[in-house]
């Protein structure tokens, strides 16, 4: 191979974006972002349907999950959730920290969800100074953009979201 051909091939390979899933590095090609949540003790329904890829640095826990655009839906009419096209943060067993890309609307105000922690059968969502806890069974099914978990079709039964006490305020 000539030097010119080598340089062209090297430049072309450099311009190809890396794979979205980090599973290629581990040799486990079929691992999805939903599977990865399970490996860290979270139900797959923390992410909406439609995640097209993810990457994860196993040494630090830093992750990015990618949706095909932003996604929003209501839960029980009480909460409006909005996922940006890229969600990022740090994952460890039972904890998602420094989250970016997920917001919840409570009453008239939007709050960034900054942390999610699993405590036994409950999942606690924190927006900083306030948090809400829900049974993990609420997240066994992935919500769908537009209709959440209350989609009225033959594929997804309508179900009610079980609530714990609304929001608790942390002391600083």
Protein backbone atom coordinates (compact mmCIF):
# COMPACT_ATOMS: atom_id res chain seq x y z
CA UNK A 1 0.00 0.00 0.00
CA UNK A 2 1.35 3.39 -0.94
CA UNK A 3 1.79 6.12 1.63
CA UNK A 4 -0.97 8.19 -0.01
CA UNK A 5 -3.44 5.25 0.12
CA UNK A 6 -2.52 4.61 3.77
CA UNK A 7 -3.09 8.28 4.67
CA UNK A 8 -6.47 8.37 2.88
CA UNK A 9 -7.58 5.14 4.60
CA UNK A 10 -6.40 6.38 7.99
CA UNK A 11 -8.21 9.70 7.55
CA UNK A 12 -11.40 7.90 6.50
CA UNK A 13 -11.27 5.62 9.55
CA UNK A 14 -10.66 8.59 11.82
CA UNK A 15 -13.81 10.30 10.52
CA UNK A 16 -16.09 7.34 11.28
CA UNK A 17 -17.87 7.99 14.59
CA UNK A 18 -17.33 5.47 17.41
CA UNK A 19 -20.08 2.94 18.04
CA UNK A 20 -22.87 4.21 20.27
CA UNK A 21 -22.85 1.14 22.47
CA UNK A 22 -19.86 0.38 24.62
CA UNK A 23 -20.78 -3.29 24.56
CA UNK A 24 -18.53 -3.79 21.52
CA UNK A 25 -15.50 -3.26 23.72
CA UNK A 26 -16.60 -6.06 26.03
CA UNK A 27 -17.46 -8.45 23.21
CA UNK A 28 -21.12 -8.52 24.27
CA UNK A 29 -22.73 -7.10 21.12
CA UNK A 30 -26.40 -7.53 22.15
CA UNK A 31 -26.32 -5.49 25.37
CA UNK A 32 -28.74 -2.55 25.23
CA UNK A 33 -29.02 0.50 27.46
CA UNK A 34 -32.04 -1.23 29.06
CA UNK A 35 -29.96 -4.34 29.79
CA UNK A 36 -27.25 -2.16 31.28
CA UNK A 37 -29.76 -0.56 33.66
CA UNK A 38 -30.62 -4.07 34.88
CA UNK A 39 -26.96 -4.85 35.50
CA UNK A 40 -26.86 -1.86 37.85
CA UNK A 41 -30.04 -2.95 39.70
CA UNK A 42 -32.48 -0.61 37.97
CA UNK A 43 -35.66 -1.48 36.05
CA UNK A 44 -35.59 -0.77 32.31
CA UNK A 45 -38.56 1.59 32.51
CA UNK A 46 -36.39 4.43 33.79
CA UNK A 47 -35.72 5.06 30.10
CA UNK A 48 -38.48 5.61 27.56
CA UNK A 49 -38.86 3.37 24.52
CA UNK A 50 -36.65 4.39 21.64
CA UNK A 51 -33.12 4.50 23.02
CA UNK A 52 -30.98 4.14 19.89
CA UNK A 53 -27.64 3.70 21.61
CA UNK A 54 -25.49 4.38 24.61
CA UNK A 55 -21.90 4.48 25.72
CA UNK A 56 -20.52 3.70 29.12
CA UNK A 57 -17.08 4.06 30.60
CA UNK A 58 -17.01 1.03 32.91
CA UNK A 59 -14.06 2.42 34.89
CA UNK A 60 -15.79 5.68 35.90
CA UNK A 61 -19.48 4.88 35.39
CA UNK A 62 -19.90 7.89 33.07
CA UNK A 63 -22.65 7.18 30.54
CA UNK A 64 -24.60 8.73 27.70
CA UNK A 65 -27.91 7.35 26.39
CA UNK A 66 -29.21 8.56 23.05
CA UNK A 67 -32.83 8.94 21.95
CA UNK A 68 -34.01 9.70 18.45
CA UNK A 69 -35.07 13.22 19.52
CA UNK A 70 -36.57 14.57 22.72
CA UNK A 71 -39.39 12.72 24.44
CA UNK A 72 -42.12 13.91 26.78
CA UNK A 73 -45.21 12.44 28.43
CA UNK A 74 -47.42 12.78 31.50
CA UNK A 75 -47.74 10.39 34.41
CA UNK A 76 -51.15 10.33 36.09
CA UNK A 77 -51.65 13.93 35.05
CA UNK A 78 -49.53 14.98 38.05
CA UNK A 79 -46.08 14.94 36.53
CA UNK A 80 -44.84 15.87 33.07
CA UNK A 81 -41.50 14.27 32.14
CA UNK A 82 -39.15 15.49 29.44
CA UNK A 83 -36.12 13.56 28.18
CA UNK A 84 -33.65 15.37 25.96
CA UNK A 85 -32.13 13.50 23.03
CA UNK A 86 -29.01 12.82 25.13
CA UNK A 87 -29.15 11.75 28.76
CA UNK A 88 -25.92 11.58 30.73
CA UNK A 89 -24.59 11.03 34.20
CA UNK A 90 -22.77 8.47 36.32
CA UNK A 91 -24.10 5.01 37.10
CA UNK A 92 -23.17 2.67 39.93
CA UNK A 93 -25.10 -0.14 41.58
CA UNK A 94 -28.44 1.35 42.63
CA UNK A 95 -27.47 4.96 41.90
CA UNK A 96 -27.62 7.38 38.97
CA UNK A 97 -25.86 10.63 39.84
CA UNK A 98 -25.11 13.98 38.19
CA UNK A 99 -27.92 13.37 35.71
CA UNK A 100 -28.44 15.70 32.81
CA UNK A 101 -31.19 15.61 30.22
CA UNK A 102 -34.23 14.61 32.32
CA UNK A 103 -36.74 17.12 33.71
CA UNK A 104 -39.99 16.83 35.62
CA UNK A 105 -42.74 19.40 35.78
CA UNK A 106 -44.50 19.64 39.13
CA UNK A 107 -47.39 22.09 39.23
CA UNK A 108 -46.04 25.02 37.18
CA UNK A 109 -42.31 24.50 37.58
CA UNK A 110 -39.73 22.40 35.73
CA UNK A 111 -36.97 20.72 37.76
CA UNK A 112 -33.92 18.79 36.60
CA UNK A 113 -33.83 15.27 38.00
CA UNK A 114 -30.25 15.11 39.26
CA UNK A 115 -30.15 11.76 41.04
CA UNK A 116 -32.01 8.45 41.12
CA UNK A 117 -31.36 5.98 43.95
CA UNK A 118 -32.78 2.51 44.47
CA UNK A 119 -33.67 1.64 48.07
CA UNK A 120 -34.89 -1.96 48.10
CA UNK A 121 -38.17 -2.00 46.19
CA UNK A 122 -38.39 1.80 45.97
CA UNK A 123 -36.83 4.26 43.56
CA UNK A 124 -36.18 7.80 44.76
CA UNK A 125 -35.90 10.69 42.32
CA UNK A 126 -34.13 13.83 43.51
CA UNK A 127 -34.31 17.33 42.05
CA UNK A 128 -31.77 18.64 44.53
CA UNK A 129 -33.58 19.90 47.61
CA UNK A 130 -36.68 17.72 47.11
CA UNK A 131 -37.26 14.09 46.24
CA UNK A 132 -40.09 11.66 45.51
CA UNK A 133 -40.14 7.91 46.00
CA UNK A 134 -42.05 5.33 43.93
CA UNK A 135 -42.25 1.53 43.99
CA UNK A 136 -39.85 0.04 41.44
CA UNK A 137 -42.72 -1.96 39.90
CA UNK A 138 -43.86 1.30 38.28
CA UNK A 139 -40.79 1.09 36.04
CA UNK A 140 -40.93 -2.50 34.80
CA UNK A 141 -42.36 -1.25 31.47
CA UNK A 142 -40.73 1.50 29.41
CA UNK A 143 -42.94 4.56 28.90
CA UNK A 144 -43.66 5.71 25.36
CA UNK A 145 -43.12 9.22 24.12
CA UNK A 146 -46.41 11.09 23.99
CA UNK A 147 -48.46 8.75 26.18
CA UNK A 148 -46.12 7.39 28.89
CA UNK A 149 -47.47 4.28 30.61
CA UNK A 150 -51.12 5.18 30.03
CA UNK A 151 -51.15 4.25 26.36
CA UNK A 152 -54.56 2.92 25.44
CA UNK A 153 -53.82 0.30 22.77
CA UNK A 154 -53.62 -3.47 22.49
CA UNK A 155 -49.86 -3.53 23.14
CA UNK A 156 -49.80 -1.68 26.44
CA UNK A 157 -52.52 -1.90 29.09
CA UNK A 158 -53.52 1.27 30.89
CA UNK A 159 -52.21 1.18 34.44
CA UNK A 160 -52.06 3.50 37.38
CA UNK A 161 -48.81 4.86 38.78
CA UNK A 162 -48.41 3.95 42.43
CA UNK A 163 -47.26 6.93 44.43
CA UNK A 164 -45.38 7.25 47.70
CA UNK A 165 -45.52 10.54 49.65
CA UNK A 166 -45.42 13.38 47.11
CA UNK A 167 -42.13 15.22 47.62
CA UNK A 168 -39.95 15.36 50.67
CA UNK A 169 -37.62 18.26 51.26
CA UNK A 170 -34.05 17.52 52.30
CA UNK A 171 -32.40 19.49 55.04
CA UNK A 172 -29.24 21.23 53.96
